[in-house]
Structure formats: structure tokens, C-alpha cells
Amino acid sequence: MADDAATVTPRTLGVEEEFHLVDLDTRTLASRAPDLLPLLPDDGYVAELQRCCVETNSAVATDLEALRADLVRRRAVLAGTAAGLGLGVAAAGAMPLAATLPLEPSEGPRYQRMFTDYAVLAREQLVCGSQVHVGVADRDDAVRVAPRLAAWLPTLLALSASSPFSADGTDTGYASTRTLLWQRWPTTGTALRARDAADYDAQVAALVATGVIADAGMVYTDVRPATVAPTLELRLCDSCPDLDTLILIAGLYRALVERELAGLRADPDRAPVPETLARAARWRAARSGLEGDLIDVPTATPRPAATVVRDLTEALAPWLEATGDLAQVHALQERVLAAGSSAAQQRRALARRGRAADVVDLLVGQTAAG
């Protein structure tokens, strides 16, 4: 495996970030995306399902520093433009102060249909996630390798966990409440198991034919072949207020994809992780974040989160070294583990004065700091 890693050419990376829009006076969500988006460059700033959220799409990068620079720039433009409207932007799985007015879907028939078809599920979808894309040119490879990632994806979710509060400010006891809400959609969970791209497309077409989903874009599995680019898309993670956390996840995810593609060539018939175990590990990561145990899926045992994170980095070291990411990922890992999850940071902010507004201010400030 190390020999395979030594020949790696860095795969392309891209990131989609979803942000909440916050009224800086009330600290509640603001349905102002229709006012904000026309003021932004025509360069990867798009609407989301809810009018209180917007999304940015990064440029394609091949190294983590270039990716970081692009994300910093986009966050700065977004935050600066929003501030002119009295708005803050927050990259977090969910916010502790939601809204005092009825929320509406963004314009367009797709979002309108989702509000009609999914009713309360769509109306309560006040959550934001981060999606990481890694280039995989062969779509058959992307389809085949996706289920092989399942054992290690909950670790990436734990790193991202940033949604401990419900929309009314109640502490849910979970590090990623977004995961609980997100898993209610009918096509979430472990990636579809398919022989090749044609088999995958047939399964998706069958789902669309049921009428339960409208199109292939509504396959919301933890990873999936992207619908508009030759990439394998990670969809499991919360939005990350701390950009270091997102860069760490991107580096680990790219190395994981590379390792499992090598494994696919060496052992194409390896049995995937059972869905029951993958689901348990996903739930554990959402419950505890970095502040408790995670499930070490290959051994099916609970272990401290920091140990699981460090072990994953060490297991991926040959691939991280091949792309020049190892030293940076090590440094980011230790910084993130020392700070704790965003969920834990938010709880500490609330504990100081008992004000949910302090949590909102923390998230807005961290997001703007890039």
C-alpha cells in the first residue's frame, strides 16, 4: 500500500459551504438571501432550500493551502457584504436562536416542490452542512469505492460537530443535532452499493420513479458520486465555523479516498461494513463529537475520540505524505483536538452568562475570522 501511495498525484479538491444568515440585532435567523445574493459576485454564491441560508462553492484546488485561501476569500466577501445589510453569517450545523417569523423556501420550482412534498421535514430543515469533493475521473470507480469509506466517515462527522442546540436554544445533548434532522430524509445513510455506474444510475432512476425523490440530486447518502462533476462528494459533515477543522477534514477525506481506491484495486471483493454498524458509529459521532468515545468500526469497539482521530491520521500517513499534506494535517489535528468540537465550544460560551446570543456571536465571529 505504501508503494501505491508513493506514486499518487494529488487529486482535485473542492468544498461547498452552507451558511446561516443572522440578524445582528436580534441574533435570530433572517430570511434575507434574496436581498443578499444579488449583491455578491457571480462566482459560486447560490441559494439554499431556506431563504435564511446561502451556499458558497469553492474553486478547484490541488493543495490544502490553495483551498484554504479560496475559502477565506469567499467567507470574507460573504461576511462583508452581509454586514452591509445588518446580517452576520454563521457556518454551523444549526443555530440556537432560529426565527420569529415564518420561514419560506427559496425561489424556484424545485425548492417550492420540496416544501410541498416533504412538509414539516423541509420546514424544519434549518441546518447547514459542508460538502467536500475529491476528484475521481472514473465514475465506475467512484461508485464502487463509495461504500468502502463507511467505516471512517463518522470520525469526520465528529470533527465537524457544531450543532448542539435546537432551534429554540435547548441543549439537545447531541454534538450534531443536524445529523438527527438530516437522517430523516428518505435517501440518507451509507452510500448505495452498486456494481458500476450503470447499476448506480438504475437504482437512482428507480428511486425517482417511486416519486419519493424528485431527481438524482436528492440522493443524500454520506458520500455519493457528484451529480455535476467527476468527484466523490462527502455530505455527512456539519458546517464548520473554524476553517482549520474543514481543511483537516478535506485532507483526511482525500487521503481516505486515495487509500480505498488502492484497496479497491487490490481487493475488489472486500465485504463492506454492515449498515447496522455504520449507523451505530454515525449515531455515536453525532451524540459525542470529540468529547466522548467514538466507535472504532473495524474492531467494533468504543475508544476515545482523540485516539480514533489520531489513529486514522496515522493509517492514512502514506497517502498524506504523498500529497505533501502530512505535516499540515498533523498540526491541524492537534489544534482541533486541543480546542474541542465546536459543539463543546458553544456550550462553554452559553455557560458563561446563560445567553444564547453569546453562542450566535461566537459562531459569527469564528466564521468571519476564517
Protein backbone atom coordinates (compact mmCIF):
# COMPACT_ATOMS: atom_id res chain seq x y z
CA MET A 1 0.00 0.00 0.00
CA ALA A 2 2.85 2.38 0.80
CA ASP A 3 4.27 1.78 -2.70
CA ASP A 4 0.87 2.72 -4.17
CA ALA A 5 0.84 5.89 -2.09
CA ALA A 6 4.30 6.90 -3.26
CA THR A 7 3.02 7.30 -6.83
CA VAL A 8 -0.01 9.44 -6.00
CA THR A 9 -0.68 12.63 -7.94
CA PRO A 10 -2.83 14.87 -5.73
CA ARG A 11 -6.48 14.60 -6.62
CA THR A 12 -8.51 17.76 -7.02
CA LEU A 13 -10.42 19.18 -4.08
CA GLY A 14 -13.47 21.38 -3.82
CA VAL A 15 -15.74 22.46 -0.97
CA GLU A 16 -19.32 23.64 -0.70
CA GLU A 17 -20.09 25.58 2.49
CA GLU A 18 -23.58 26.37 3.74
CA PHE A 19 -24.13 29.41 5.98
CA HIS A 20 -26.94 30.69 8.19
CA LEU A 21 -27.93 34.34 7.83
CA VAL A 22 -28.36 36.06 11.20
CA ASP A 23 -29.96 39.38 12.08
CA LEU A 24 -27.22 41.12 14.06
CA ASP A 25 -29.75 42.94 16.25
CA THR A 26 -31.93 40.01 17.30
CA ARG A 27 -29.41 37.13 16.68
CA THR A 28 -32.25 35.18 15.05
CA LEU A 29 -32.19 33.74 11.55
CA ALA A 30 -33.08 36.18 8.79
CA SER A 31 -34.75 35.19 5.51
CA ARG A 32 -32.65 37.69 3.58
CA ALA A 33 -30.92 35.55 0.96
CA PRO A 34 -32.95 37.17 -1.86
CA ASP A 35 -31.57 40.57 -0.73
CA LEU A 36 -28.00 39.35 -0.26
CA LEU A 37 -27.35 37.14 -3.28
CA PRO A 38 -27.75 39.89 -5.95
CA LEU A 39 -25.01 41.88 -4.17
CA LEU A 40 -22.49 39.04 -4.32
CA PRO A 41 -20.18 38.20 -7.22
CA ASP A 42 -21.43 35.74 -9.79
CA ASP A 43 -18.76 33.36 -8.58
CA GLY A 44 -20.11 30.43 -6.61
CA TYR A 45 -22.64 32.08 -4.26
CA VAL A 46 -26.02 30.34 -4.54
CA ALA A 47 -29.36 29.94 -2.79
CA GLU A 48 -30.23 27.08 -0.47
CA LEU A 49 -33.58 25.46 0.37
CA GLN A 50 -34.33 28.04 3.08
CA ARG A 51 -34.11 31.77 2.45
CA CYS A 52 -32.16 32.11 5.70
CA CYS A 53 -29.22 30.17 4.24
CA VAL A 54 -26.74 30.62 1.40
CA GLU A 55 -24.06 28.40 -0.08
CA THR A 56 -20.59 29.05 -1.48
CA ASN A 57 -18.79 26.80 -3.95
CA SER A 58 -15.00 26.90 -3.92
CA ALA A 59 -12.70 26.89 -6.89
CA VAL A 60 -10.99 23.60 -7.72
CA ALA A 61 -7.71 23.16 -5.84
CA THR A 62 -4.98 20.54 -5.66
CA ASP A 63 -3.40 21.52 -2.34
CA LEU A 64 -4.80 22.42 1.05
CA GLU A 65 -3.27 25.90 1.19
CA ALA A 66 -4.87 26.91 -2.10
CA LEU A 67 -8.19 25.54 -0.89
CA ARG A 68 -7.89 27.47 2.37
CA ALA A 69 -7.05 30.72 0.57
CA ASP A 70 -10.10 30.40 -1.66
CA LEU A 71 -12.42 29.64 1.27
CA VAL A 72 -11.02 32.55 3.29
CA ARG A 73 -11.66 34.89 0.36
CA ARG A 74 -15.22 33.67 -0.14
CA ARG A 75 -16.04 33.92 3.54
CA ALA A 76 -14.65 37.45 3.66
CA VAL A 77 -16.70 38.59 0.66
CA LEU A 78 -19.83 36.96 2.04
CA ALA A 79 -19.43 38.32 5.57
CA GLY A 80 -18.51 41.82 4.38
CA THR A 81 -21.45 42.05 2.01
CA ALA A 82 -23.86 40.65 4.59
CA ALA A 83 -22.68 43.15 7.19
CA GLY A 84 -23.84 45.95 4.92
CA LEU A 85 -27.37 44.58 5.31
CA GLY A 86 -27.11 44.23 9.08
CA LEU A 87 -26.52 40.49 8.77
CA GLY A 88 -23.97 38.08 10.10
CA VAL A 89 -23.10 34.72 8.57
CA ALA A 90 -22.50 31.58 10.60
CA ALA A 91 -21.07 28.27 9.44
CA ALA A 92 -22.65 25.85 11.91
CA GLY A 93 -24.80 22.75 11.70
CA ALA A 94 -27.67 24.57 13.43
CA MET A 95 -28.29 27.78 15.36
CA PRO A 96 -29.61 28.20 18.92
CA LEU A 97 -31.92 31.09 18.01
CA ALA A 98 -33.96 30.29 14.94
CA ALA A 99 -36.58 32.72 13.71
CA THR A 100 -39.55 34.67 14.92
CA LEU A 101 -41.27 34.74 11.53
CA PRO A 102 -42.50 32.01 9.18
CA LEU A 103 -39.68 30.67 7.04
CA GLU A 104 -40.09 30.39 3.28
CA PRO A 105 -38.33 28.30 0.65
CA SER A 106 -36.05 29.96 -1.85
CA GLU A 107 -37.50 30.80 -5.24
CA GLY A 108 -37.71 28.15 -7.94
CA PRO A 109 -39.96 25.16 -8.60
CA ARG A 110 -37.55 22.62 -7.08
CA TYR A 111 -37.48 24.24 -3.64
CA GLN A 112 -41.21 25.00 -3.75
CA ARG A 113 -41.94 21.37 -4.53
CA MET A 114 -39.71 20.19 -1.68
CA PHE A 115 -41.69 22.33 0.79
CA THR A 116 -44.92 20.85 -0.54
CA ASP A 117 -43.82 17.23 -0.80
CA TYR A 118 -41.85 16.96 2.45
CA ALA A 119 -43.97 19.24 4.64
CA VAL A 120 -42.60 19.57 8.17
CA LEU A 121 -39.38 17.81 7.22
CA ALA A 122 -38.49 20.61 4.81
CA ARG A 123 -39.79 23.39 7.07
CA GLU A 124 -37.65 22.21 9.97
CA GLN A 125 -34.53 21.84 7.83
CA LEU A 126 -32.77 24.80 9.45
CA VAL A 127 -29.39 23.12 9.15
CA CYS A 128 -26.17 23.71 7.25
CA GLY A 129 -23.51 21.26 6.13
CA SER A 130 -20.09 21.17 4.49
CA GLN A 131 -19.55 19.09 1.37
CA VAL A 132 -16.05 18.06 0.29
CA HIS A 133 -15.40 16.91 -3.28
CA VAL A 134 -12.43 14.76 -4.31
CA GLY A 135 -11.76 14.19 -7.99
CA VAL A 136 -12.40 10.65 -9.21
CA ALA A 137 -12.44 10.68 -13.00
CA ASP A 138 -13.68 7.11 -13.48
CA ARG A 139 -17.32 7.08 -12.40
CA ASP A 140 -17.34 3.28 -12.06
CA ASP A 141 -14.51 3.63 -9.52
CA ALA A 142 -16.39 6.37 -7.67
CA VAL A 143 -19.50 4.21 -7.36
CA ARG A 144 -17.59 1.12 -6.25
CA VAL A 145 -15.37 2.84 -3.71
CA ALA A 146 -18.09 4.93 -2.01
CA PRO A 147 -19.44 2.17 0.30
CA ARG A 148 -15.88 1.22 1.30
CA LEU A 149 -15.46 4.58 3.08
CA ALA A 150 -18.27 3.97 5.58
CA ALA A 151 -16.11 2.76 8.48
CA TRP A 152 -14.17 6.00 8.75
CA LEU A 153 -16.68 8.70 7.84
CA PRO A 154 -18.16 9.00 11.38
CA THR A 155 -14.76 10.24 12.55
CA LEU A 156 -15.02 13.12 10.08
CA LEU A 157 -18.54 13.85 11.33
CA ALA A 158 -17.25 14.01 14.91
CA LEU A 159 -14.60 16.54 13.89
CA SER A 160 -17.26 18.75 12.30
CA ALA A 161 -19.91 18.51 15.04
CA SER A 162 -21.25 22.05 15.52
CA SER A 163 -24.96 21.79 16.31
CA PRO A 164 -25.67 21.06 19.98
CA PHE A 165 -28.77 23.26 20.24
CA SER A 166 -32.27 23.02 18.88
CA ALA A 167 -33.94 25.96 17.18
CA ASP A 168 -35.39 27.21 20.50
CA GLY A 169 -31.98 27.18 22.22
CA THR A 170 -32.48 23.91 24.11
CA ASP A 171 -29.36 21.80 24.55
CA THR A 172 -30.21 18.53 22.80
CA GLY A 173 -27.42 16.53 24.42
CA TYR A 174 -26.00 15.83 20.96
CA ALA A 175 -22.91 17.32 19.37
CA SER A 176 -24.55 17.22 15.93
CA THR A 177 -28.28 17.77 16.11
CA ARG A 178 -28.10 18.43 12.38
CA THR A 179 -27.37 14.72 11.88
CA LEU A 180 -30.59 13.75 13.67
CA LEU A 181 -32.61 16.08 11.45
CA TRP A 182 -30.75 15.19 8.28
CA GLN A 183 -31.18 11.42 8.73
CA ARG A 184 -34.96 11.81 8.41
CA TRP A 185 -34.70 12.30 4.64
CA PRO A 186 -35.57 9.10 2.76
CA THR A 187 -32.23 8.65 0.98
CA THR A 188 -29.64 9.29 3.71
CA GLY A 189 -27.20 6.76 5.16
CA THR A 190 -24.38 4.67 3.74
CA ALA A 191 -23.62 5.05 0.04
CA LEU A 192 -25.59 2.93 -2.39
CA ARG A 193 -23.91 -0.38 -3.19
CA ALA A 194 -23.64 -0.84 -6.94
CA ARG A 195 -21.62 -2.91 -9.41
CA ASP A 196 -20.78 0.08 -11.60
CA ALA A 197 -22.09 3.47 -12.67
CA ALA A 198 -24.82 1.96 -14.82
CA ASP A 199 -26.13 -0.08 -11.88
CA TYR A 200 -25.97 3.01 -9.63
CA ASP A 201 -27.88 5.10 -12.16
CA ALA A 202 -30.53 2.38 -12.47
CA GLN A 203 -31.02 2.33 -8.70
CA VAL A 204 -31.35 6.12 -8.61
CA ALA A 205 -33.78 6.08 -11.54
CA ALA A 206 -35.88 3.53 -9.68
CA LEU A 207 -35.94 5.81 -6.63
CA VAL A 208 -37.01 8.76 -8.75
CA ALA A 209 -39.70 6.62 -10.38
CA THR A 210 -41.25 5.98 -6.97
CA GLY A 211 -41.93 9.70 -6.63
CA VAL A 212 -40.27 9.77 -3.20
CA ILE A 213 -37.44 11.90 -4.58
CA ALA A 214 -37.59 14.29 -7.50
CA ASP A 215 -34.14 13.81 -9.02
CA ALA A 216 -30.66 12.35 -8.52
CA GLY A 217 -29.64 15.44 -6.54
CA MET A 218 -31.84 14.20 -3.70
CA VAL A 219 -29.71 11.12 -3.06
CA TYR A 220 -28.39 12.37 0.29
CA THR A 221 -26.13 9.47 1.25
CA ASP A 222 -23.00 10.12 3.33
CA VAL A 223 -20.94 10.04 0.13
CA ARG A 224 -22.08 9.95 -3.47
CA PRO A 225 -20.77 10.45 -6.99
CA ALA A 226 -21.44 14.13 -7.55
CA THR A 227 -24.20 14.98 -9.98
CA VAL A 228 -22.39 17.81 -11.82
CA ALA A 229 -18.67 16.96 -11.64
CA PRO A 230 -16.39 13.88 -11.76
CA THR A 231 -15.93 13.82 -8.00
CA LEU A 232 -16.84 11.76 -4.96
CA GLU A 233 -18.74 14.04 -2.61
CA LEU A 234 -18.69 13.83 1.19
CA ARG A 235 -22.04 15.04 2.54
CA LEU A 236 -22.02 13.88 6.16
CA CYS A 237 -20.42 16.82 7.97
CA ASP A 238 -21.84 19.84 9.76
CA SER A 239 -20.76 23.27 8.60
CA CYS A 240 -17.55 24.25 10.38
CA PRO A 241 -17.16 27.72 11.91
CA ASP A 242 -13.42 27.05 12.37
CA LEU A 243 -11.84 26.80 8.93
CA ASP A 244 -8.93 24.72 10.27
CA THR A 245 -11.43 21.96 11.04
CA LEU A 246 -12.77 21.98 7.50
CA ILE A 247 -9.28 21.89 5.98
CA LEU A 248 -8.39 18.97 8.27
CA ILE A 249 -11.49 17.08 7.12
CA ALA A 250 -10.68 17.79 3.47
CA GLY A 251 -7.14 16.49 3.84
CA LEU A 252 -8.20 13.33 5.65
CA TYR A 253 -11.04 12.66 3.24
CA ARG A 254 -8.83 12.96 0.15
CA ALA A 255 -6.29 10.55 1.66
CA LEU A 256 -9.07 8.15 2.63
CA VAL A 257 -10.47 8.15 -0.91
CA GLU A 258 -7.00 7.51 -2.31
CA ARG A 259 -6.33 4.66 0.09
CA GLU A 260 -9.65 2.98 -0.59
CA LEU A 261 -9.23 3.30 -4.36
CA ALA A 262 -5.93 1.44 -3.95
CA GLY A 263 -7.74 -1.12 -1.82
CA LEU A 264 -10.42 -1.48 -4.48
CA ARG A 265 -7.77 -2.50 -6.99
CA ALA A 266 -6.05 -4.88 -4.56
CA ASP A 267 -9.18 -6.48 -3.06
CA PRO A 268 -12.26 -5.63 -5.11
CA ASP A 269 -14.45 -8.18 -3.32
CA ARG A 270 -13.91 -6.98 0.24
CA ALA A 271 -17.18 -7.04 2.15
CA PRO A 272 -18.46 -3.57 3.09
CA VAL A 273 -19.12 -2.59 6.69
CA PRO A 274 -22.57 -3.78 7.80
CA GLU A 275 -25.10 -0.96 7.68
CA THR A 276 -26.12 -1.57 11.29
CA LEU A 277 -22.55 -0.93 12.48
CA ALA A 278 -22.08 2.08 10.21
CA ARG A 279 -25.35 3.54 11.51
CA ALA A 280 -24.30 2.96 15.12
CA ALA A 281 -20.97 4.67 14.52
CA ARG A 282 -22.69 7.61 12.83
CA TRP A 283 -25.05 8.00 15.77
CA ARG A 284 -22.20 7.81 18.27
CA ALA A 285 -20.30 10.55 16.45
CA ALA A 286 -23.40 12.76 16.38
CA ARG A 287 -24.00 12.16 20.07
CA SER A 288 -20.49 12.70 21.42
CA GLY A 289 -18.47 14.65 18.87
CA LEU A 290 -14.88 14.82 20.11
CA GLU A 291 -15.85 14.82 23.78
CA GLY A 292 -16.56 11.13 24.27
CA ASP A 293 -15.93 7.77 22.70
CA LEU A 294 -16.25 7.00 19.02
CA ILE A 295 -16.77 3.55 17.59
CA ASP A 296 -13.65 2.11 16.04
CA VAL A 297 -15.61 0.37 13.30
CA PRO A 298 -13.00 -2.17 12.10
CA THR A 299 -12.85 -3.62 15.63
CA ALA A 300 -16.42 -2.67 16.64
CA THR A 301 -15.18 -1.23 19.95
CA PRO A 302 -15.65 2.17 21.64
CA ARG A 303 -12.46 4.21 22.02
CA PRO A 304 -11.69 7.82 22.98
CA ALA A 305 -12.36 10.19 20.11
CA ALA A 306 -8.87 11.69 20.13
CA THR A 307 -7.37 8.20 19.81
CA VAL A 308 -9.64 7.33 16.89
CA VAL A 309 -8.77 10.59 15.10
CA ARG A 310 -5.02 10.15 15.60
CA ASP A 311 -5.15 6.51 14.54
CA LEU A 312 -6.96 7.46 11.34
CA THR A 313 -4.29 10.04 10.52
CA GLU A 314 -1.53 7.52 11.15
CA ALA A 315 -3.27 4.92 8.99
CA LEU A 316 -3.50 7.47 6.18
CA ALA A 317 0.06 8.78 6.65
CA PRO A 318 1.50 7.26 3.44
CA TRP A 319 -1.18 8.94 1.33
CA LEU A 320 -0.97 12.22 3.24
CA GLU A 321 2.79 12.23 2.80
CA ALA A 322 2.46 11.51 -0.91
CA THR A 323 0.38 14.67 -1.38
CA GLY A 324 2.54 16.77 0.95
CA ASP A 325 -0.27 17.08 3.50
CA LEU A 326 1.06 15.02 6.41
CA ALA A 327 2.75 17.76 8.44
CA GLN A 328 -0.14 20.17 7.97
CA VAL A 329 -2.76 17.56 8.84
CA HIS A 330 -0.83 16.60 11.98
CA ALA A 331 -0.66 20.25 13.08
CA LEU A 332 -4.34 20.89 12.32
CA GLN A 333 -5.35 17.69 14.09
CA GLU A 334 -3.63 18.65 17.33
CA ARG A 335 -5.03 22.17 17.24
CA VAL A 336 -8.58 20.92 16.65
CA LEU A 337 -8.35 18.23 19.33
CA ALA A 338 -6.99 20.74 21.85
CA ALA A 339 -9.83 23.19 21.16
CA GLY A 340 -12.52 20.51 21.22
CA SER A 341 -15.52 20.32 18.95
CA SER A 342 -17.48 23.42 18.02
CA ALA A 343 -20.37 21.91 19.97
CA ALA A 344 -18.29 21.93 23.16
CA GLN A 345 -17.11 25.48 22.49
CA GLN A 346 -20.70 26.63 22.05
CA ARG A 347 -21.72 25.02 25.33
CA ARG A 348 -18.90 26.81 27.13
CA ALA A 349 -19.99 30.13 25.60
CA LEU A 350 -23.54 29.58 26.84
CA ALA A 351 -22.38 28.55 30.31
CA ARG A 352 -20.53 31.82 30.91
CA ARG A 353 -23.62 34.03 31.00
CA GLY A 354 -26.54 31.81 30.03
CA ARG A 355 -27.17 33.84 26.87
CA ALA A 356 -27.86 32.07 23.57
CA ALA A 357 -26.91 35.32 21.84
CA ASP A 358 -23.34 34.73 23.00
CA VAL A 359 -23.31 31.46 21.10
CA VAL A 360 -24.51 33.22 17.96
CA ASP A 361 -21.83 35.88 18.35
CA LEU A 362 -19.17 33.20 18.79
CA LEU A 363 -20.20 31.45 15.57
CA VAL A 364 -20.47 34.65 13.55
CA GLY A 365 -17.06 35.78 14.80
CA GLN A 366 -15.35 32.46 14.09
CA THR A 367 -16.88 32.27 10.62
CA ALA A 368 -15.74 35.77 9.72
CA ALA A 369 -12.25 35.13 11.10
CA GLY A 370 -11.71 32.38 8.51
